[in-house]
């Protein structure tokens, strides 16, 4: 009887291992993520002497991301982000400047590496990358601009139903803003450092 039990237990272990191996082999190395959240700028576009700065206000943000597993717990990512903040005009902007609106379209395209810890359940992630960031202002006398940016982020990903997983992430976008693209007055224009955060919640799909 003990021999039979041992044989049965061994057979079950072999079948379980084979099933897990087969499931892992059938799983694609690709993953597609879609997320929504908030874009929050922390730096002024123009710092004024009277503290009436020109700056962006927070707005909604949406992103689409593709990841490819290149090594154990290391994925390459490419992410497209669109955000819609508004602009508050300060004292360094020409008085005659008007809309047609204070809406700003801000976007970025970044690529790099995504590191994850753990093999299942909730997994912490670290994003390291860079790319380009663009500004488009619906403002008379303002020009669009494209700037390089660094993309660093911390997040959590968790297994959901089947090939679907949930994710939450906080990203830090370090870039600069060319003040000469705005209708300024009375200042020496320069590149102003920008510190932006993007908080997003999304879902990922891992196709088979």
N, C-alpha and C. Protein backbone atom coordinates (compact mmCIF):
# COMPACT_ATOMS: atom_id res chain seq x y z
N UNK A 1 0.83 -1.21 0.00
CA UNK A 1 0.00 0.00 0.00
C UNK A 1 0.86 1.27 0.00
N UNK A 2 1.92 1.26 0.85
CA UNK A 2 2.79 2.42 0.93
C UNK A 2 3.49 2.66 -0.41
N UNK A 3 3.85 1.57 -1.10
CA UNK A 3 4.49 1.69 -2.40
C UNK A 3 3.55 2.32 -3.42
N UNK A 4 2.28 1.92 -3.36
CA UNK A 4 1.28 2.48 -4.27
C UNK A 4 1.08 3.97 -4.02
N UNK A 5 1.03 4.35 -2.73
CA UNK A 5 0.86 5.76 -2.39
C UNK A 5 2.05 6.59 -2.87
N UNK A 6 3.25 6.02 -2.67
CA UNK A 6 4.46 6.72 -3.11
C UNK A 6 4.44 6.90 -4.63
N UNK A 7 4.04 5.85 -5.34
CA UNK A 7 3.99 5.91 -6.80
C UNK A 7 2.98 6.96 -7.26
N UNK A 8 1.79 7.00 -6.58
CA UNK A 8 0.74 7.95 -6.95
C UNK A 8 1.18 9.38 -6.68
N UNK A 9 1.82 9.59 -5.50
CA UNK A 9 2.29 10.93 -5.16
C UNK A 9 3.35 11.39 -6.15
N UNK A 10 4.26 10.49 -6.51
CA UNK A 10 5.29 10.84 -7.49
C UNK A 10 4.70 11.18 -8.84
N UNK A 11 3.71 10.40 -9.26
CA UNK A 11 3.06 10.66 -10.55
C UNK A 11 2.37 12.01 -10.56
N UNK A 12 1.70 12.36 -9.43
CA UNK A 12 1.02 13.64 -9.35
C UNK A 12 2.01 14.80 -9.41
N UNK A 13 3.15 14.65 -8.76
CA UNK A 13 4.18 15.69 -8.79
C UNK A 13 4.71 15.89 -10.20
N UNK A 14 4.93 14.79 -10.91
CA UNK A 14 5.44 14.88 -12.28
C UNK A 14 4.43 15.56 -13.19
N UNK A 15 3.15 15.17 -13.05
CA UNK A 15 2.10 15.77 -13.87
C UNK A 15 1.96 17.26 -13.57
N UNK A 16 2.02 17.62 -12.27
CA UNK A 16 1.90 19.02 -11.87
C UNK A 16 3.04 19.86 -12.43
N UNK A 17 4.27 19.31 -12.35
CA UNK A 17 5.42 20.04 -12.87
C UNK A 17 5.33 20.19 -14.37
N UNK A 18 4.90 19.14 -15.04
CA UNK A 18 4.77 19.19 -16.50
C UNK A 18 3.72 20.20 -16.91
N UNK A 19 2.62 20.25 -16.15
CA UNK A 19 1.54 21.20 -16.46
C UNK A 19 2.02 22.64 -16.28
N UNK A 20 2.76 22.90 -15.19
CA UNK A 20 3.27 24.25 -14.95
C UNK A 20 4.27 24.65 -16.02
N UNK A 21 5.11 23.68 -16.43
CA UNK A 21 6.10 23.96 -17.46
C UNK A 21 5.42 24.27 -18.78
N UNK A 22 4.36 23.51 -19.09
CA UNK A 22 3.63 23.72 -20.34
C UNK A 22 2.93 25.08 -20.36
N UNK A 23 2.36 25.46 -19.20
CA UNK A 23 1.69 26.75 -19.10
C UNK A 23 2.68 27.89 -19.29
N UNK A 24 3.89 27.74 -18.71
CA UNK A 24 4.91 28.77 -18.85
C UNK A 24 5.40 28.85 -20.28
N UNK A 25 5.53 27.67 -20.95
CA UNK A 25 6.01 27.65 -22.32
C UNK A 25 5.01 28.29 -23.27
N UNK A 26 3.70 28.14 -22.96
CA UNK A 26 2.66 28.68 -23.83
C UNK A 26 2.44 30.16 -23.62
N UNK A 27 2.99 30.70 -22.55
CA UNK A 27 2.77 32.11 -22.23
C UNK A 27 3.65 32.99 -23.09
N UNK A 28 3.05 34.00 -23.70
CA UNK A 28 3.80 34.89 -24.58
C UNK A 28 4.76 35.77 -23.79
N UNK A 29 5.86 36.16 -24.44
CA UNK A 29 6.81 37.08 -23.83
C UNK A 29 6.35 38.53 -23.95
N UNK A 30 5.26 38.76 -24.68
CA UNK A 30 4.73 40.10 -24.87
C UNK A 30 3.65 40.43 -23.82
N UNK A 31 3.55 41.71 -23.48
CA UNK A 31 2.47 42.17 -22.63
C UNK A 31 2.07 43.58 -23.08
N UNK A 32 0.80 43.85 -23.10
CA UNK A 32 0.28 45.17 -23.48
C UNK A 32 -0.48 45.75 -22.30
N UNK A 33 -0.14 46.98 -21.91
CA UNK A 33 -0.78 47.64 -20.78
C UNK A 33 -1.50 48.91 -21.23
N UNK A 34 -2.67 49.15 -20.69
CA UNK A 34 -3.39 50.41 -20.89
C UNK A 34 -3.72 50.98 -19.51
N UNK A 35 -3.52 52.27 -19.32
CA UNK A 35 -3.74 52.85 -18.00
C UNK A 35 -4.26 54.28 -18.09
N UNK A 36 -4.85 54.71 -17.00
CA UNK A 36 -5.35 56.09 -16.87
C UNK A 36 -4.99 56.60 -15.48
N UNK A 37 -4.84 57.91 -15.37
CA UNK A 37 -4.47 58.46 -14.07
C UNK A 37 -4.35 59.97 -14.12
N UNK A 38 -3.38 60.50 -13.41
CA UNK A 38 -3.22 61.95 -13.28
C UNK A 38 -1.78 62.36 -13.56
N UNK A 39 -1.65 63.46 -14.28
CA UNK A 39 -0.35 64.09 -14.52
C UNK A 39 -0.23 65.28 -13.56
N UNK A 40 0.85 65.31 -12.76
CA UNK A 40 1.00 66.35 -11.73
C UNK A 40 2.36 67.02 -11.88
N UNK A 41 2.40 68.27 -12.40
CA UNK A 41 3.67 69.00 -12.50
C UNK A 41 4.02 69.70 -11.19
N UNK A 42 5.31 69.74 -10.87
CA UNK A 42 5.75 70.36 -9.62
C UNK A 42 6.65 71.57 -9.86
N UNK A 43 6.96 71.87 -11.11
CA UNK A 43 7.87 72.98 -11.41
C UNK A 43 7.15 74.05 -12.23
N UNK A 44 7.51 75.29 -12.01
CA UNK A 44 6.98 76.39 -12.81
C UNK A 44 7.63 76.40 -14.19
N UNK A 45 6.87 76.82 -15.19
CA UNK A 45 7.45 77.03 -16.52
C UNK A 45 8.31 78.29 -16.52
N UNK A 46 7.82 79.33 -15.82
CA UNK A 46 8.57 80.58 -15.66
C UNK A 46 8.43 81.03 -14.21
N UNK A 47 9.54 81.17 -13.52
CA UNK A 47 9.53 81.70 -12.16
C UNK A 47 9.64 83.21 -12.21
N UNK A 48 8.66 83.89 -11.64
CA UNK A 48 8.62 85.36 -11.67
C UNK A 48 9.15 85.93 -10.36
N UNK A 49 9.71 87.13 -10.45
CA UNK A 49 10.27 87.79 -9.26
C UNK A 49 9.18 88.10 -8.24
N UNK A 50 7.95 88.36 -8.71
CA UNK A 50 6.85 88.67 -7.80
C UNK A 50 6.08 87.41 -7.37
N UNK A 51 6.64 86.23 -7.66
CA UNK A 51 6.08 84.91 -7.33
C UNK A 51 4.79 84.57 -8.11
N UNK A 52 4.40 85.44 -9.06
CA UNK A 52 3.25 85.14 -9.92
C UNK A 52 3.76 84.32 -11.10
N UNK A 53 4.01 83.06 -10.84
CA UNK A 53 4.66 82.19 -11.82
C UNK A 53 3.70 81.74 -12.91
N UNK A 54 4.28 81.42 -14.06
CA UNK A 54 3.55 80.74 -15.13
C UNK A 54 3.78 79.25 -14.93
N UNK A 55 2.72 78.49 -14.81
CA UNK A 55 2.89 77.07 -14.49
C UNK A 55 1.73 76.25 -15.04
N UNK A 56 1.95 74.94 -15.08
CA UNK A 56 0.91 74.01 -15.50
C UNK A 56 0.17 73.49 -14.27
N UNK A 57 -1.12 73.23 -14.45
CA UNK A 57 -1.93 72.60 -13.41
C UNK A 57 -2.13 71.13 -13.76
N UNK A 58 -2.45 70.33 -12.76
CA UNK A 58 -2.63 68.89 -12.96
C UNK A 58 -3.78 68.61 -13.92
N UNK A 59 -3.69 67.45 -14.58
CA UNK A 59 -4.73 67.06 -15.51
C UNK A 59 -4.74 65.55 -15.71
N UNK A 60 -5.74 65.04 -16.43
CA UNK A 60 -5.81 63.60 -16.66
C UNK A 60 -4.70 63.13 -17.60
N UNK A 61 -4.33 61.85 -17.46
CA UNK A 61 -3.28 61.27 -18.29
C UNK A 61 -3.67 59.85 -18.69
N UNK A 62 -3.27 59.47 -19.88
CA UNK A 62 -3.58 58.15 -20.41
C UNK A 62 -2.33 57.60 -21.10
N UNK A 63 -2.10 56.31 -20.97
CA UNK A 63 -0.91 55.74 -21.59
C UNK A 63 -1.19 54.34 -22.14
N UNK A 64 -0.40 53.98 -23.14
CA UNK A 64 -0.43 52.66 -23.75
C UNK A 64 1.01 52.17 -23.82
N UNK A 65 1.22 50.94 -23.39
CA UNK A 65 2.58 50.44 -23.23
C UNK A 65 2.71 49.01 -23.74
N UNK A 66 3.82 48.74 -24.39
CA UNK A 66 4.16 47.39 -24.79
C UNK A 66 5.42 46.94 -24.09
N UNK A 67 5.42 45.70 -23.58
CA UNK A 67 6.59 45.14 -22.90
C UNK A 67 6.95 43.80 -23.52
N UNK A 68 8.26 43.52 -23.55
CA UNK A 68 8.73 42.25 -24.07
C UNK A 68 9.76 41.69 -23.08
N UNK A 69 9.52 40.46 -22.64
CA UNK A 69 10.41 39.82 -21.67
C UNK A 69 11.72 39.43 -22.35
N UNK A 70 12.82 40.06 -21.94
CA UNK A 70 14.12 39.78 -22.56
C UNK A 70 14.99 38.88 -21.70
N UNK A 71 14.70 38.82 -20.41
CA UNK A 71 15.44 37.97 -19.48
C UNK A 71 14.56 37.74 -18.26
N UNK A 72 15.01 36.87 -17.37
CA UNK A 72 14.25 36.59 -16.18
C UNK A 72 14.02 37.87 -15.37
N UNK A 73 12.76 38.30 -15.24
CA UNK A 73 12.36 39.47 -14.47
C UNK A 73 12.83 40.80 -15.08
N UNK A 74 13.25 40.79 -16.33
CA UNK A 74 13.65 42.01 -17.03
C UNK A 74 12.90 42.10 -18.35
N UNK A 75 12.17 43.20 -18.53
CA UNK A 75 11.42 43.42 -19.77
C UNK A 75 11.83 44.74 -20.39
N UNK A 76 11.81 44.78 -21.71
CA UNK A 76 11.98 46.05 -22.43
C UNK A 76 10.61 46.68 -22.62
N UNK A 77 10.51 47.99 -22.43
CA UNK A 77 9.22 48.66 -22.57
C UNK A 77 9.30 49.82 -23.56
N UNK A 78 8.16 50.12 -24.17
CA UNK A 78 7.97 51.32 -24.97
C UNK A 78 6.61 51.88 -24.58
N UNK A 79 6.58 53.14 -24.13
CA UNK A 79 5.36 53.73 -23.57
C UNK A 79 5.02 55.05 -24.25
N UNK A 80 3.76 55.19 -24.65
CA UNK A 80 3.24 56.45 -25.17
C UNK A 80 2.27 57.03 -24.16
N UNK A 81 2.47 58.29 -23.80
CA UNK A 81 1.65 58.97 -22.79
C UNK A 81 1.04 60.23 -23.37
N UNK A 82 -0.23 60.47 -23.05
CA UNK A 82 -0.89 61.73 -23.37
C UNK A 82 -1.51 62.29 -22.11
N UNK A 83 -1.26 63.58 -21.84
CA UNK A 83 -1.82 64.24 -20.66
C UNK A 83 -2.44 65.57 -21.10
N UNK A 84 -3.41 66.04 -20.31
CA UNK A 84 -4.14 67.25 -20.69
C UNK A 84 -4.22 68.22 -19.50
N UNK A 85 -3.08 68.83 -19.14
CA UNK A 85 -3.11 69.84 -18.08
C UNK A 85 -3.60 71.18 -18.64
N UNK A 86 -3.69 72.17 -17.77
CA UNK A 86 -4.00 73.53 -18.18
C UNK A 86 -2.86 74.44 -17.76
N UNK A 87 -2.79 75.64 -18.34
CA UNK A 87 -1.71 76.57 -18.01
C UNK A 87 -2.27 77.80 -17.31
N UNK A 88 -1.55 78.22 -16.27
CA UNK A 88 -1.88 79.47 -15.56
C UNK A 88 -0.81 80.48 -15.96
N UNK A 89 -1.24 81.61 -16.54
CA UNK A 89 -0.30 82.62 -17.03
C UNK A 89 0.10 83.55 -15.89
N UNK A 90 1.40 83.77 -15.77
CA UNK A 90 1.92 84.64 -14.72
C UNK A 90 2.31 86.01 -15.25
N UNK A 91 3.01 86.77 -14.42
CA UNK A 91 3.35 88.16 -14.75
C UNK A 91 4.45 88.28 -15.80
N UNK A 92 5.14 87.18 -16.13
CA UNK A 92 6.20 87.24 -17.14
C UNK A 92 5.69 87.00 -18.55
N UNK A 93 4.38 86.84 -18.71
CA UNK A 93 3.76 86.67 -20.02
C UNK A 93 3.22 88.02 -20.49
N UNK A 94 3.32 88.27 -21.80
CA UNK A 94 2.84 89.52 -22.35
C UNK A 94 1.35 89.74 -22.02
N UNK A 95 0.98 90.96 -21.59
CA UNK A 95 -0.40 91.21 -21.13
C UNK A 95 -1.45 90.95 -22.20
N UNK A 96 -1.11 91.14 -23.48
CA UNK A 96 -2.11 91.01 -24.54
C UNK A 96 -2.40 89.55 -24.92
N UNK A 97 -1.64 88.62 -24.34
CA UNK A 97 -1.80 87.22 -24.71
C UNK A 97 -3.14 86.68 -24.21
N UNK A 98 -3.84 86.03 -25.11
CA UNK A 98 -5.10 85.38 -24.75
C UNK A 98 -5.14 84.01 -25.41
N UNK A 99 -6.15 83.23 -25.08
CA UNK A 99 -6.37 81.86 -25.53
C UNK A 99 -6.01 81.57 -26.97
N UNK A 100 -6.82 80.86 -27.72
CA UNK A 100 -8.25 80.65 -27.47
C UNK A 100 -8.62 79.84 -26.23
N UNK A 101 -7.69 79.11 -25.64
CA UNK A 101 -8.00 78.42 -24.38
C UNK A 101 -6.71 78.25 -23.60
N UNK A 102 -6.84 77.81 -22.35
CA UNK A 102 -5.65 77.56 -21.52
C UNK A 102 -5.29 76.08 -21.51
N UNK A 103 -5.83 75.33 -22.47
CA UNK A 103 -5.59 73.89 -22.54
C UNK A 103 -4.19 73.59 -23.10
N UNK A 104 -3.57 72.58 -22.55
CA UNK A 104 -2.25 72.12 -23.01
C UNK A 104 -2.33 70.63 -23.31
N UNK A 105 -1.75 70.24 -24.44
CA UNK A 105 -1.60 68.82 -24.74
C UNK A 105 -0.14 68.45 -24.53
N UNK A 106 0.09 67.54 -23.64
CA UNK A 106 1.45 67.12 -23.30
C UNK A 106 1.58 65.62 -23.56
N UNK A 107 2.65 65.23 -24.16
CA UNK A 107 2.84 63.81 -24.46
C UNK A 107 4.28 63.40 -24.30
N UNK A 108 4.50 62.11 -24.21
CA UNK A 108 5.86 61.60 -24.16
C UNK A 108 5.90 60.22 -24.80
N UNK A 109 7.06 59.91 -25.36
CA UNK A 109 7.33 58.56 -25.84
C UNK A 109 8.66 58.15 -25.24
N UNK A 110 8.64 57.09 -24.41
CA UNK A 110 9.85 56.66 -23.72
C UNK A 110 10.04 55.15 -23.89
N UNK A 111 11.28 54.72 -23.71
CA UNK A 111 11.61 53.30 -23.80
C UNK A 111 12.72 53.01 -22.82
N UNK A 112 12.82 51.75 -22.41
CA UNK A 112 13.85 51.37 -21.45
C UNK A 112 13.63 49.97 -20.92
N UNK A 113 14.01 49.76 -19.66
CA UNK A 113 13.92 48.45 -19.04
C UNK A 113 12.98 48.49 -17.84
N UNK A 114 12.19 47.43 -17.68
CA UNK A 114 11.29 47.25 -16.54
C UNK A 114 11.77 46.04 -15.74
N UNK A 115 12.15 46.27 -14.49
CA UNK A 115 12.63 45.20 -13.62
C UNK A 115 11.51 44.82 -12.66
N UNK A 116 11.33 43.53 -12.41
CA UNK A 116 10.30 43.08 -11.48
C UNK A 116 10.89 42.10 -10.49
N UNK A 117 10.28 42.02 -9.30
CA UNK A 117 10.71 41.10 -8.26
C UNK A 117 9.58 40.14 -7.96
N UNK A 118 9.91 38.89 -7.68
CA UNK A 118 8.89 37.89 -7.36
C UNK A 118 8.43 37.15 -8.60
N UNK A 119 7.86 35.95 -8.37
CA UNK A 119 7.43 35.09 -9.47
C UNK A 119 5.91 35.03 -9.63
N UNK A 120 5.17 35.51 -8.67
CA UNK A 120 3.72 35.44 -8.76
C UNK A 120 3.09 36.36 -7.75
N UNK A 121 1.76 36.43 -7.75
CA UNK A 121 1.07 37.32 -6.83
C UNK A 121 1.36 38.77 -7.15
N UNK A 122 1.59 39.58 -6.12
CA UNK A 122 1.90 41.00 -6.30
C UNK A 122 3.40 41.16 -6.47
N UNK A 123 3.82 41.82 -7.56
CA UNK A 123 5.23 41.96 -7.88
C UNK A 123 5.61 43.45 -7.95
N UNK A 124 6.59 43.90 -7.16
CA UNK A 124 7.10 45.27 -7.30
C UNK A 124 7.84 45.42 -8.63
N UNK A 125 7.77 46.62 -9.21
CA UNK A 125 8.46 46.88 -10.47
C UNK A 125 9.26 48.18 -10.38
N UNK A 126 10.32 48.24 -11.18
CA UNK A 126 11.16 49.44 -11.29
C UNK A 126 11.34 49.75 -12.76
N UNK A 127 11.01 50.97 -13.16
CA UNK A 127 11.12 51.42 -14.54
C UNK A 127 12.33 52.34 -14.68
N UNK A 128 13.17 52.10 -15.69
CA UNK A 128 14.33 52.93 -15.97
C UNK A 128 14.39 53.18 -17.47
N UNK A 129 14.22 54.43 -17.88
CA UNK A 129 14.25 54.70 -19.31
C UNK A 129 14.32 56.18 -19.62
N UNK A 130 14.10 56.50 -20.87
CA UNK A 130 14.13 57.88 -21.31
C UNK A 130 13.53 58.00 -22.70
N UNK A 131 13.39 59.23 -23.17
CA UNK A 131 12.83 59.44 -24.49
C UNK A 131 12.57 60.90 -24.76
N UNK A 132 11.42 61.19 -25.36
CA UNK A 132 11.08 62.55 -25.76
C UNK A 132 9.74 62.96 -25.17
N UNK A 133 9.63 64.26 -24.89
CA UNK A 133 8.41 64.82 -24.32
C UNK A 133 8.02 66.05 -25.15
N UNK A 134 6.75 66.21 -25.48
CA UNK A 134 6.35 67.36 -26.29
C UNK A 134 5.25 68.15 -25.60
N UNK A 135 5.26 69.47 -25.89
CA UNK A 135 4.25 70.39 -25.38
C UNK A 135 3.55 71.05 -26.56
N UNK A 136 2.23 71.11 -26.51
CA UNK A 136 1.45 71.85 -27.49
C UNK A 136 0.45 72.71 -26.73
N UNK A 137 0.61 74.05 -26.85
CA UNK A 137 -0.21 74.99 -26.10
C UNK A 137 -1.20 75.69 -27.02
N UNK A 138 -2.45 75.78 -26.58
CA UNK A 138 -3.50 76.46 -27.32
C UNK A 138 -3.51 77.92 -26.89
N UNK A 139 -2.39 78.60 -27.19
CA UNK A 139 -2.16 79.94 -26.66
C UNK A 139 -1.55 80.80 -27.77
N UNK A 140 -2.09 82.01 -27.94
CA UNK A 140 -1.58 82.91 -28.98
C UNK A 140 -0.11 83.24 -28.72
N UNK A 141 0.72 83.07 -29.75
CA UNK A 141 2.13 83.40 -29.64
C UNK A 141 3.01 82.31 -29.06
N UNK A 142 2.42 81.17 -28.71
CA UNK A 142 3.21 80.06 -28.15
C UNK A 142 3.53 79.05 -29.25
N UNK A 143 4.72 78.48 -29.20
CA UNK A 143 5.14 77.47 -30.17
C UNK A 143 5.25 76.11 -29.50
N UNK A 144 4.99 75.06 -30.28
CA UNK A 144 5.17 73.70 -29.77
C UNK A 144 6.66 73.43 -29.56
N UNK A 145 6.96 72.48 -28.70
CA UNK A 145 8.36 72.11 -28.47
C UNK A 145 8.49 70.66 -28.08
N UNK A 146 9.65 70.09 -28.39
CA UNK A 146 9.98 68.71 -28.05
C UNK A 146 11.26 68.72 -27.22
N UNK A 147 11.25 68.00 -26.09
CA UNK A 147 12.40 68.00 -25.18
C UNK A 147 12.74 66.58 -24.77
N UNK A 148 14.02 66.30 -24.49
CA UNK A 148 14.37 64.98 -23.95
C UNK A 148 13.86 64.83 -22.52
N UNK A 149 13.58 63.60 -22.10
CA UNK A 149 13.08 63.36 -20.75
C UNK A 149 13.60 62.04 -20.21
N UNK A 150 13.74 61.99 -18.90
CA UNK A 150 14.06 60.75 -18.18
C UNK A 150 12.77 60.18 -17.62
N UNK A 151 12.63 58.86 -17.66
CA UNK A 151 11.40 58.20 -17.20
C UNK A 151 11.78 57.13 -16.17
N UNK A 152 11.46 57.41 -14.90
CA UNK A 152 11.75 56.49 -13.80
C UNK A 152 10.46 56.23 -13.04
N UNK A 153 10.21 54.98 -12.64
CA UNK A 153 8.96 54.70 -11.96
C UNK A 153 9.02 53.50 -11.04
N UNK A 154 8.14 53.52 -10.03
CA UNK A 154 7.96 52.40 -9.11
C UNK A 154 6.50 51.96 -9.18
N UNK A 155 6.27 50.65 -9.17
CA UNK A 155 4.91 50.18 -9.28
C UNK A 155 4.68 48.83 -8.66
N UNK A 156 3.44 48.37 -8.74
CA UNK A 156 3.04 47.04 -8.29
C UNK A 156 2.18 46.42 -9.38
N UNK A 157 2.45 45.16 -9.68
CA UNK A 157 1.64 44.42 -10.64
C UNK A 157 1.16 43.14 -9.98
N UNK A 158 -0.07 42.76 -10.28
CA UNK A 158 -0.63 41.57 -9.68
C UNK A 158 -1.38 40.72 -10.68
N UNK A 159 -1.32 39.42 -10.48
CA UNK A 159 -2.00 38.48 -11.36
C UNK A 159 -3.51 38.62 -11.18
N UNK A 160 -4.23 38.71 -12.29
CA UNK A 160 -5.68 38.83 -12.24
C UNK A 160 -6.34 37.56 -12.72
N UNK A 161 -7.25 37.70 -13.66
CA UNK A 161 -7.98 36.56 -14.20
C UNK A 161 -7.34 36.13 -15.51
N UNK A 162 -6.86 34.91 -15.56
CA UNK A 162 -6.25 34.40 -16.78
C UNK A 162 -5.05 35.22 -17.20
N UNK A 163 -5.10 35.76 -18.41
CA UNK A 163 -3.97 36.52 -18.95
C UNK A 163 -4.03 38.00 -18.58
N UNK A 164 -5.02 38.39 -17.76
CA UNK A 164 -5.18 39.80 -17.39
C UNK A 164 -4.57 40.06 -16.02
N UNK A 165 -3.86 41.18 -15.90
CA UNK A 165 -3.28 41.57 -14.61
C UNK A 165 -3.50 43.05 -14.36
N UNK A 166 -3.54 43.42 -13.08
CA UNK A 166 -3.70 44.81 -12.70
C UNK A 166 -2.36 45.45 -12.38
N UNK A 167 -2.31 46.78 -12.46
CA UNK A 167 -1.06 47.48 -12.19
C UNK A 167 -1.35 48.88 -11.65
N UNK A 168 -0.47 49.33 -10.76
CA UNK A 168 -0.48 50.72 -10.28
C UNK A 168 0.96 51.19 -10.28
N UNK A 169 1.18 52.43 -10.71
CA UNK A 169 2.57 52.90 -10.87
C UNK A 169 2.66 54.41 -10.65
N UNK A 170 3.77 54.82 -10.09
CA UNK A 170 4.11 56.23 -9.94
C UNK A 170 5.37 56.49 -10.75
N UNK A 171 5.25 57.35 -11.76
CA UNK A 171 6.38 57.65 -12.65
C UNK A 171 6.88 59.07 -12.42
N UNK A 172 8.18 59.26 -12.56
CA UNK A 172 8.82 60.56 -12.45
C UNK A 172 9.44 60.91 -13.79
N UNK A 173 8.98 62.01 -14.39
CA UNK A 173 9.50 62.47 -15.67
C UNK A 173 10.33 63.73 -15.45
N UNK A 174 11.61 63.62 -15.68
CA UNK A 174 12.54 64.75 -15.51
C UNK A 174 12.86 65.30 -16.90
N UNK A 175 12.58 66.59 -17.10
CA UNK A 175 12.83 67.21 -18.40
C UNK A 175 13.09 68.70 -18.20
N UNK A 176 12.94 69.48 -19.28
CA UNK A 176 13.10 70.92 -19.19
C UNK A 176 12.11 71.60 -20.13
N UNK A 177 11.91 72.90 -19.95
CA UNK A 177 10.98 73.67 -20.79
C UNK A 177 11.72 74.87 -21.35
N UNK A 178 11.61 75.07 -22.67
CA UNK A 178 12.25 76.19 -23.35
C UNK A 178 11.33 77.41 -23.26
N UNK A 179 11.70 78.38 -22.40
CA UNK A 179 10.86 79.55 -22.17
C UNK A 179 10.71 80.43 -23.41
N UNK A 180 11.64 80.32 -24.36
CA UNK A 180 11.57 81.15 -25.57
C UNK A 180 10.38 80.77 -26.45
N UNK A 181 9.75 79.62 -26.19
CA UNK A 181 8.57 79.21 -26.96
C UNK A 181 7.29 79.87 -26.47
N UNK A 182 7.38 80.69 -25.42
CA UNK A 182 6.23 81.42 -24.89
C UNK A 182 6.39 82.91 -25.17
N UNK A 183 5.29 83.67 -25.27
CA UNK A 183 5.35 85.13 -25.48
C UNK A 183 5.68 85.83 -24.16
N UNK A 184 6.97 85.87 -23.83
CA UNK A 184 7.41 86.41 -22.53
C UNK A 184 7.71 87.90 -22.62
N UNK A 185 7.91 88.50 -21.46
CA UNK A 185 8.32 89.91 -21.38
C UNK A 185 9.20 90.11 -20.16
N UNK A 186 10.22 90.94 -20.31
CA UNK A 186 11.04 91.37 -19.18
C UNK A 186 11.88 90.30 -18.52
N UNK A 187 12.14 89.18 -19.19
CA UNK A 187 12.99 88.14 -18.59
C UNK A 187 14.02 87.67 -19.60
N UNK A 188 15.09 87.10 -19.10
CA UNK A 188 16.08 86.44 -19.93
C UNK A 188 15.65 84.98 -20.05
N UNK A 189 15.21 84.58 -21.23
CA UNK A 189 14.65 83.24 -21.39
C UNK A 189 15.74 82.18 -21.23
N UNK A 190 15.33 81.02 -20.71
CA UNK A 190 16.26 79.93 -20.46
C UNK A 190 15.49 78.61 -20.49
N UNK A 191 16.22 77.52 -20.33
CA UNK A 191 15.59 76.21 -20.17
C UNK A 191 15.28 76.00 -18.70
N UNK A 192 14.01 75.84 -18.37
CA UNK A 192 13.56 75.67 -16.99
C UNK A 192 13.34 74.20 -16.69
N UNK A 193 13.98 73.70 -15.66
CA UNK A 193 13.83 72.29 -15.29
C UNK A 193 12.39 71.97 -14.90
N UNK A 194 11.93 70.79 -15.33
CA UNK A 194 10.58 70.33 -15.04
C UNK A 194 10.61 69.01 -14.28
N UNK A 195 9.87 68.96 -13.17
CA UNK A 195 9.73 67.75 -12.36
C UNK A 195 8.26 67.36 -12.36
N UNK A 196 7.95 66.26 -13.05
CA UNK A 196 6.55 65.85 -13.20
C UNK A 196 6.34 64.44 -12.66
N UNK A 197 5.17 64.22 -12.07
CA UNK A 197 4.78 62.89 -11.62
C UNK A 197 3.55 62.44 -12.39
N UNK A 198 3.49 61.15 -12.67
CA UNK A 198 2.32 60.55 -13.30
C UNK A 198 1.90 59.36 -12.45
N UNK A 199 0.70 59.42 -11.89
CA UNK A 199 0.14 58.32 -11.12
C UNK A 199 -0.90 57.62 -11.98
N UNK A 200 -0.72 56.32 -12.21
CA UNK A 200 -1.63 55.63 -13.12
C UNK A 200 -2.07 54.28 -12.54
N UNK A 201 -3.27 53.88 -12.94
CA UNK A 201 -3.83 52.57 -12.61
C UNK A 201 -4.28 51.96 -13.93
N UNK A 202 -3.94 50.70 -14.16
CA UNK A 202 -4.29 50.12 -15.44
C UNK A 202 -4.41 48.61 -15.40
N UNK A 203 -4.60 48.06 -16.58
CA UNK A 203 -4.67 46.62 -16.74
C UNK A 203 -3.70 46.20 -17.83
N UNK A 204 -3.19 44.98 -17.70
CA UNK A 204 -2.27 44.43 -18.69
C UNK A 204 -2.83 43.13 -19.25
N UNK A 205 -2.52 42.87 -20.50
CA UNK A 205 -2.95 41.66 -21.17
C UNK A 205 -1.72 40.91 -21.67
N UNK A 206 -1.61 39.64 -21.28
CA UNK A 206 -0.51 38.81 -21.74
C UNK A 206 -1.08 37.76 -22.71
N UNK A 207 -0.96 37.99 -24.02
CA UNK A 207 -1.54 37.07 -25.00
C UNK A 207 -0.82 35.72 -24.99
N UNK A 208 -1.54 34.67 -25.34
CA UNK A 208 -0.95 33.34 -25.42
C UNK A 208 -0.57 33.02 -26.85
